[in-house]
Amino acid sequence: MWLRAVSGSDRPFEFTRLIESGDEVVVTYEATRPGGSRFRNTEVLTFSGDQIRRQEVYFGWNLD
């Protein structure tokens, strides 16, 4: 699934993993930096109802 980044960039990112377990969601996505190199990040989101209560972000896989 490709989505547009919401940080003001017009570069899309792709979800490669989306796992729901209880009140947590694990998402891995790939994107392209403005210079053209690609990267992959993973986030663990903890929800309370429909609101995010905690966000863990794991940076750093370069794909090039």
PDB file of N, CA and C in Angstrom:
ATOM      1  N   MET A   1       0.850  -1.160   0.000  1.00  0.00           N
ATOM      2  CA  MET A   1       0.000   0.000   0.000  1.00  0.00           C
ATOM      3  C   MET A   1       0.904   1.234   0.000  1.00  0.00           C
ATOM      4  N   TRP A   2       0.730   2.108  -0.958  1.00  0.00           N
ATOM      5  CA  TRP A   2       1.500   3.351  -1.035  1.00  0.00           C
ATOM      6  C   TRP A   2       0.658   4.490  -0.495  1.00  0.00           C
ATOM      7  N   LEU A   3       1.273   5.339   0.302  1.00  0.00           N
ATOM      8  CA  LEU A   3       0.610   6.536   0.823  1.00  0.00           C
ATOM      9  C   LEU A   3       1.540   7.721   0.678  1.00  0.00           C
ATOM     10  N   ARG A   4       0.982   8.889   0.657  1.00  0.00           N
ATOM     11  CA  ARG A   4       1.787  10.104   0.639  1.00  0.00           C
ATOM     12  C   ARG A   4       2.171  10.477   2.056  1.00  0.00           C
ATOM     13  N   ALA A   5       3.416  10.882   2.249  1.00  0.00           N
ATOM     14  CA  ALA A   5       3.873  11.306   3.574  1.00  0.00           C
ATOM     15  C   ALA A   5       3.115  12.558   3.980  1.00  0.00           C
ATOM     16  N   VAL A   6       2.845  12.698   5.264  1.00  0.00           N
ATOM     17  CA  VAL A   6       2.108  13.861   5.756  1.00  0.00           C
ATOM     18  C   VAL A   6       3.039  14.944   6.290  1.00  0.00           C
ATOM     19  N   SER A   7       4.342  14.747   6.188  1.00  0.00           N
ATOM     20  CA  SER A   7       5.292  15.690   6.764  1.00  0.00           C
ATOM     21  C   SER A   7       5.613  16.841   5.822  1.00  0.00           C
ATOM     22  N   GLY A   8       4.838  17.002   4.747  1.00  0.00           N
ATOM     23  CA  GLY A   8       5.100  18.069   3.805  1.00  0.00           C
ATOM     24  C   GLY A   8       5.854  17.586   2.583  1.00  0.00           C
ATOM     25  N   SER A   9       6.354  16.384   2.610  1.00  0.00           N
ATOM     26  CA  SER A   9       7.040  15.811   1.462  1.00  0.00           C
ATOM     27  C   SER A   9       6.014  15.263   0.491  1.00  0.00           C
ATOM     28  N   ASP A  10       6.333  15.343  -0.800  1.00  0.00           N
ATOM     29  CA  ASP A  10       5.422  14.762  -1.781  1.00  0.00           C
ATOM     30  C   ASP A  10       5.855  13.350  -2.172  1.00  0.00           C
ATOM     31  N   ARG A  11       6.836  12.808  -1.470  1.00  0.00           N
ATOM     32  CA  ARG A  11       7.323  11.460  -1.768  1.00  0.00           C
ATOM     33  C   ARG A  11       6.471  10.420  -1.050  1.00  0.00           C
ATOM     34  N   PRO A  12       6.028   9.396  -1.788  1.00  0.00           N
ATOM     35  CA  PRO A  12       5.192   8.369  -1.160  1.00  0.00           C
ATOM     36  C   PRO A  12       6.003   7.424  -0.290  1.00  0.00           C
ATOM     37  N   PHE A  13       5.333   6.746   0.607  1.00  0.00           N
ATOM     38  CA  PHE A  13       5.951   5.665   1.357  1.00  0.00           C
ATOM     39  C   PHE A  13       5.034   4.449   1.267  1.00  0.00           C
ATOM     40  N   GLU A  14       5.606   3.267   1.456  1.00  0.00           N
ATOM     41  CA  GLU A  14       4.870   2.024   1.300  1.00  0.00           C
ATOM     42  C   GLU A  14       4.876   1.233   2.596  1.00  0.00           C
ATOM     43  N   PHE A  15       3.706   0.817   3.054  1.00  0.00           N
ATOM     44  CA  PHE A  15       3.619  -0.087   4.196  1.00  0.00           C
ATOM     45  C   PHE A  15       4.002  -1.487   3.721  1.00  0.00           C
ATOM     46  N   THR A  16       4.958  -2.098   4.388  1.00  0.00           N
ATOM     47  CA  THR A  16       5.349  -3.461   4.051  1.00  0.00           C
ATOM     48  C   THR A  16       4.914  -4.459   5.111  1.00  0.00           C
ATOM     49  N   ARG A  17       4.550  -3.966   6.296  1.00  0.00           N
ATOM     50  CA  ARG A  17       4.086  -4.830   7.391  1.00  0.00           C
ATOM     51  C   ARG A  17       3.090  -4.033   8.222  1.00  0.00           C
ATOM     52  N   LEU A  18       1.981  -4.656   8.541  1.00  0.00           N
ATOM     53  CA  LEU A  18       0.974  -4.030   9.396  1.00  0.00           C
ATOM     54  C   LEU A  18       0.353  -5.141  10.233  1.00  0.00           C
ATOM     55  N   ILE A  19       0.663  -5.150  11.534  1.00  0.00           N
ATOM     56  CA  ILE A  19       0.221  -6.219  12.425  1.00  0.00           C
ATOM     57  C   ILE A  19      -0.512  -5.594  13.609  1.00  0.00           C
ATOM     58  N   GLU A  20      -1.712  -6.070  13.878  1.00  0.00           N
ATOM     59  CA  GLU A  20      -2.486  -5.615  15.035  1.00  0.00           C
ATOM     60  C   GLU A  20      -2.486  -6.716  16.084  1.00  0.00           C
ATOM     61  N   SER A  21      -2.173  -6.340  17.318  1.00  0.00           N
ATOM     62  CA  SER A  21      -2.176  -7.287  18.424  1.00  0.00           C
ATOM     63  C   SER A  21      -2.693  -6.577  19.663  1.00  0.00           C
ATOM     64  N   GLY A  22      -3.922  -6.854  20.020  1.00  0.00           N
ATOM     65  CA  GLY A  22      -4.520  -6.185  21.180  1.00  0.00           C
ATOM     66  C   GLY A  22      -4.627  -4.694  20.926  1.00  0.00           C
ATOM     67  N   ASP A  23      -4.040  -3.889  21.814  1.00  0.00           N
ATOM     68  CA  ASP A  23      -4.097  -2.432  21.662  1.00  0.00           C
ATOM     69  C   ASP A  23      -2.870  -1.880  20.952  1.00  0.00           C
ATOM     70  N   GLU A  24      -2.056  -2.748  20.335  1.00  0.00           N
ATOM     71  CA  GLU A  24      -0.857  -2.306  19.634  1.00  0.00           C
ATOM     72  C   GLU A  24      -0.952  -2.615  18.138  1.00  0.00           C
ATOM     73  N   VAL A  25      -0.300  -1.742  17.355  1.00  0.00           N
ATOM     74  CA  VAL A  25      -0.146  -1.946  15.924  1.00  0.00           C
ATOM     75  C   VAL A  25       1.329  -1.780  15.612  1.00  0.00           C
ATOM     76  N   VAL A  26       1.879  -2.744  14.862  1.00  0.00           N
ATOM     77  CA  VAL A  26       3.263  -2.666  14.397  1.00  0.00           C
ATOM     78  C   VAL A  26       3.210  -2.389  12.903  1.00  0.00           C
ATOM     79  N   VAL A  27       3.895  -1.346  12.470  1.00  0.00           N
ATOM     80  CA  VAL A  27       3.898  -0.992  11.055  1.00  0.00           C
ATOM     81  C   VAL A  27       5.343  -0.779  10.597  1.00  0.00           C
ATOM     82  N   THR A  28       5.680  -1.385   9.476  1.00  0.00           N
ATOM     83  CA  THR A  28       6.975  -1.164   8.837  1.00  0.00           C
ATOM     84  C   THR A  28       6.695  -0.509   7.496  1.00  0.00           C
ATOM     85  N   TYR A  29       7.476   0.518   7.168  1.00  0.00           N
ATOM     86  CA  TYR A  29       7.268   1.226   5.909  1.00  0.00           C
ATOM     87  C   TYR A  29       8.600   1.549   5.265  1.00  0.00           C
ATOM     88  N   GLU A  30       8.573   1.707   3.942  1.00  0.00           N
ATOM     89  CA  GLU A  30       9.739   2.083   3.162  1.00  0.00           C
ATOM     90  C   GLU A  30       9.443   3.401   2.473  1.00  0.00           C
ATOM     91  N   ALA A  31      10.482   4.224   2.330  1.00  0.00           N
ATOM     92  CA  ALA A  31      10.307   5.526   1.706  1.00  0.00           C
ATOM     93  C   ALA A  31      11.606   5.950   1.026  1.00  0.00           C
ATOM     94  N   THR A  32      11.516   7.019   0.259  1.00  0.00           N
ATOM     95  CA  THR A  32      12.660   7.561  -0.457  1.00  0.00           C
ATOM     96  C   THR A  32      12.967   8.951   0.076  1.00  0.00           C
ATOM     97  N   ARG A  33      14.229   9.174   0.426  1.00  0.00           N
ATOM     98  CA  ARG A  33      14.670  10.493   0.880  1.00  0.00           C
ATOM     99  C   ARG A  33      14.743  11.448  -0.320  1.00  0.00           C
ATOM    100  N   PRO A  34      14.755  12.761  -0.078  1.00  0.00           N
ATOM    101  CA  PRO A  34      14.844  13.723  -1.173  1.00  0.00           C
ATOM    102  C   PRO A  34      16.055  13.488  -2.087  1.00  0.00           C
ATOM    103  N   GLY A  35      17.152  12.966  -1.540  1.00  0.00           N
ATOM    104  CA  GLY A  35      18.345  12.704  -2.351  1.00  0.00           C
ATOM    105  C   GLY A  35      18.262  11.434  -3.172  1.00  0.00           C
ATOM    106  N   GLY A  36      17.200  10.643  -2.979  1.00  0.00           N
ATOM    107  CA  GLY A  36      16.993   9.448  -3.777  1.00  0.00           C
ATOM    108  C   GLY A  36      17.287   8.138  -3.065  1.00  0.00           C
ATOM    109  N   SER A  37      17.988   8.157  -1.921  1.00  0.00           N
ATOM    110  CA  SER A  37      18.248   6.913  -1.198  1.00  0.00           C
ATOM    111  C   SER A  37      16.971   6.454  -0.502  1.00  0.00           C
ATOM    112  N   ARG A  38      16.875   5.137  -0.294  1.00  0.00           N
ATOM    113  CA  ARG A  38      15.676   4.568   0.315  1.00  0.00           C
ATOM    114  C   ARG A  38      15.977   4.061   1.716  1.00  0.00           C
ATOM    115  N   PHE A  39      14.945   4.020   2.566  1.00  0.00           N
ATOM    116  CA  PHE A  39      15.093   3.549   3.937  1.00  0.00           C
ATOM    117  C   PHE A  39      13.835   2.823   4.379  1.00  0.00           C
ATOM    118  N   ARG A  40      13.973   2.102   5.489  1.00  0.00           N
ATOM    119  CA  ARG A  40      12.845   1.380   6.091  1.00  0.00           C
ATOM    120  C   ARG A  40      12.827   1.684   7.587  1.00  0.00           C
ATOM    121  N   ASN A  41      11.659   1.990   8.130  1.00  0.00           N
ATOM    122  CA  ASN A  41      11.460   2.212   9.565  1.00  0.00           C
ATOM    123  C   ASN A  41      10.343   1.311  10.069  1.00  0.00           C
ATOM    124  N   THR A  42      10.353   1.039  11.360  1.00  0.00           N
ATOM    125  CA  THR A  42       9.268   0.295  12.007  1.00  0.00           C
ATOM    126  C   THR A  42       8.780   1.099  13.196  1.00  0.00           C
ATOM    127  N   GLU A  43       7.463   1.123  13.383  1.00  0.00           N
ATOM    128  CA  GLU A  43       6.862   1.816  14.518  1.00  0.00           C
ATOM    129  C   GLU A  43       5.918   0.863  15.252  1.00  0.00           C
ATOM    130  N   VAL A  44       5.879   1.008  16.570  1.00  0.00           N
ATOM    131  CA  VAL A  44       4.912   0.297  17.402  1.00  0.00           C
ATOM    132  C   VAL A  44       4.008   1.362  18.005  1.00  0.00           C
ATOM    133  N   LEU A  45       2.735   1.308  17.665  1.00  0.00           N
ATOM    134  CA  LEU A  45       1.755   2.282  18.148  1.00  0.00           C
ATOM    135  C   LEU A  45       0.853   1.601  19.167  1.00  0.00           C
ATOM    136  N   THR A  46       0.686   2.223  20.334  1.00  0.00           N
ATOM    137  CA  THR A  46      -0.215   1.706  21.363  1.00  0.00           C
ATOM    138  C   THR A  46      -1.423   2.627  21.435  1.00  0.00           C
ATOM    139  N   PHE A  47      -2.594   2.040  21.358  1.00  0.00           N
ATOM    140  CA  PHE A  47      -3.841   2.804  21.322  1.00  0.00           C
ATOM    141  C   PHE A  47      -4.620   2.668  22.623  1.00  0.00           C
ATOM    142  N   SER A  48      -5.392   3.705  22.920  1.00  0.00           N
ATOM    143  CA  SER A  48      -6.416   3.679  23.949  1.00  0.00           C
ATOM    144  C   SER A  48      -7.678   4.178  23.252  1.00  0.00           C
ATOM    145  N   GLY A  49      -8.558   3.255  22.936  1.00  0.00           N
ATOM    146  CA  GLY A  49      -9.706   3.621  22.102  1.00  0.00           C
ATOM    147  C   GLY A  49      -9.205   3.929  20.704  1.00  0.00           C
ATOM    148  N   ASP A  50      -9.560   5.107  20.200  1.00  0.00           N
ATOM    149  CA  ASP A  50      -9.107   5.488  18.863  1.00  0.00           C
ATOM    150  C   ASP A  50      -7.959   6.499  18.897  1.00  0.00           C
ATOM    151  N   GLN A  51      -7.327   6.689  20.053  1.00  0.00           N
ATOM    152  CA  GLN A  51      -6.220   7.636  20.182  1.00  0.00           C
ATOM    153  C   GLN A  51      -4.900   6.913  20.417  1.00  0.00           C
ATOM    154  N   ILE A  52      -3.843   7.430  19.786  1.00  0.00           N
ATOM    155  CA  ILE A  52      -2.510   6.895  20.024  1.00  0.00           C
ATOM    156  C   ILE A  52      -2.026   7.375  21.383  1.00  0.00           C
ATOM    157  N   ARG A  53      -1.617   6.448  22.230  1.00  0.00           N
ATOM    158  CA  ARG A  53      -1.134   6.774  23.573  1.00  0.00           C
ATOM    159  C   ARG A  53       0.386   6.704  23.669  1.00  0.00           C
ATOM    160  N   ARG A  54       0.999   5.860  22.822  1.00  0.00           N
ATOM    161  CA  ARG A  54       2.462   5.732  22.843  1.00  0.00           C
ATOM    162  C   ARG A  54       2.925   5.359  21.439  1.00  0.00           C
ATOM    163  N   GLN A  55       4.091   5.891  21.071  1.00  0.00           N
ATOM    164  CA  GLN A  55       4.660   5.604  19.762  1.00  0.00           C
ATOM    165  C   GLN A  55       6.143   5.310  19.925  1.00  0.00           C
ATOM    166  N   GLU A  56       6.567   4.125  19.517  1.00  0.00           N
ATOM    167  CA  GLU A  56       7.979   3.753  19.509  1.00  0.00           C
ATOM    168  C   GLU A  56       8.412   3.724  18.043  1.00  0.00           C
ATOM    169  N   VAL A  57       9.510   4.386  17.719  1.00  0.00           N
ATOM    170  CA  VAL A  57       9.989   4.441  16.348  1.00  0.00           C
ATOM    171  C   VAL A  57      11.393   3.871  16.283  1.00  0.00           C
ATOM    172  N   TYR A  58      11.583   2.924  15.381  1.00  0.00           N
ATOM    173  CA  TYR A  58      12.881   2.296  15.178  1.00  0.00           C
ATOM    174  C   TYR A  58      13.370   2.690  13.785  1.00  0.00           C
ATOM    175  N   PHE A  59      14.404   3.530  13.750  1.00  0.00           N
ATOM    176  CA  PHE A  59      14.951   4.072  12.514  1.00  0.00           C
ATOM    177  C   PHE A  59      16.131   3.242  12.035  1.00  0.00           C
ATOM    178  N   GLY A  60      16.449   3.360  10.750  1.00  0.00           N
ATOM    179  CA  GLY A  60      17.772   3.008  10.368  1.00  0.00           C
ATOM    180  C   GLY A  60      18.075   1.961   9.353  1.00  0.00           C
ATOM    181  N   TRP A  61      17.122   1.310   8.731  1.00  0.00           N
ATOM    182  CA  TRP A  61      17.497   0.370   7.689  1.00  0.00           C
ATOM    183  C   TRP A  61      17.634   1.126   6.387  1.00  0.00           C
ATOM    184  N   ASN A  62      18.847   1.198   5.876  1.00  0.00           N
ATOM    185  CA  ASN A  62      19.061   1.763   4.540  1.00  0.00           C
ATOM    186  C   ASN A  62      18.842   0.656   3.521  1.00  0.00           C
ATOM    187  N   LEU A  63      18.145   0.966   2.461  1.00  0.00           N
ATOM    188  CA  LEU A  63      17.818  -0.042   1.452  1.00  0.00           C
ATOM    189  C   LEU A  63      18.741   0.019   0.251  1.00  0.00           C
ATOM    190  N   ASP A  64      19.600   0.989   0.184  1.00  0.00           N
ATOM    191  CA  ASP A  64      20.509   1.129  -0.971  1.00  0.00           C
ATOM    192  C   ASP A  64      21.847   0.511  -0.686  1.00  0.00           C
TER     193      ASP A  64
END
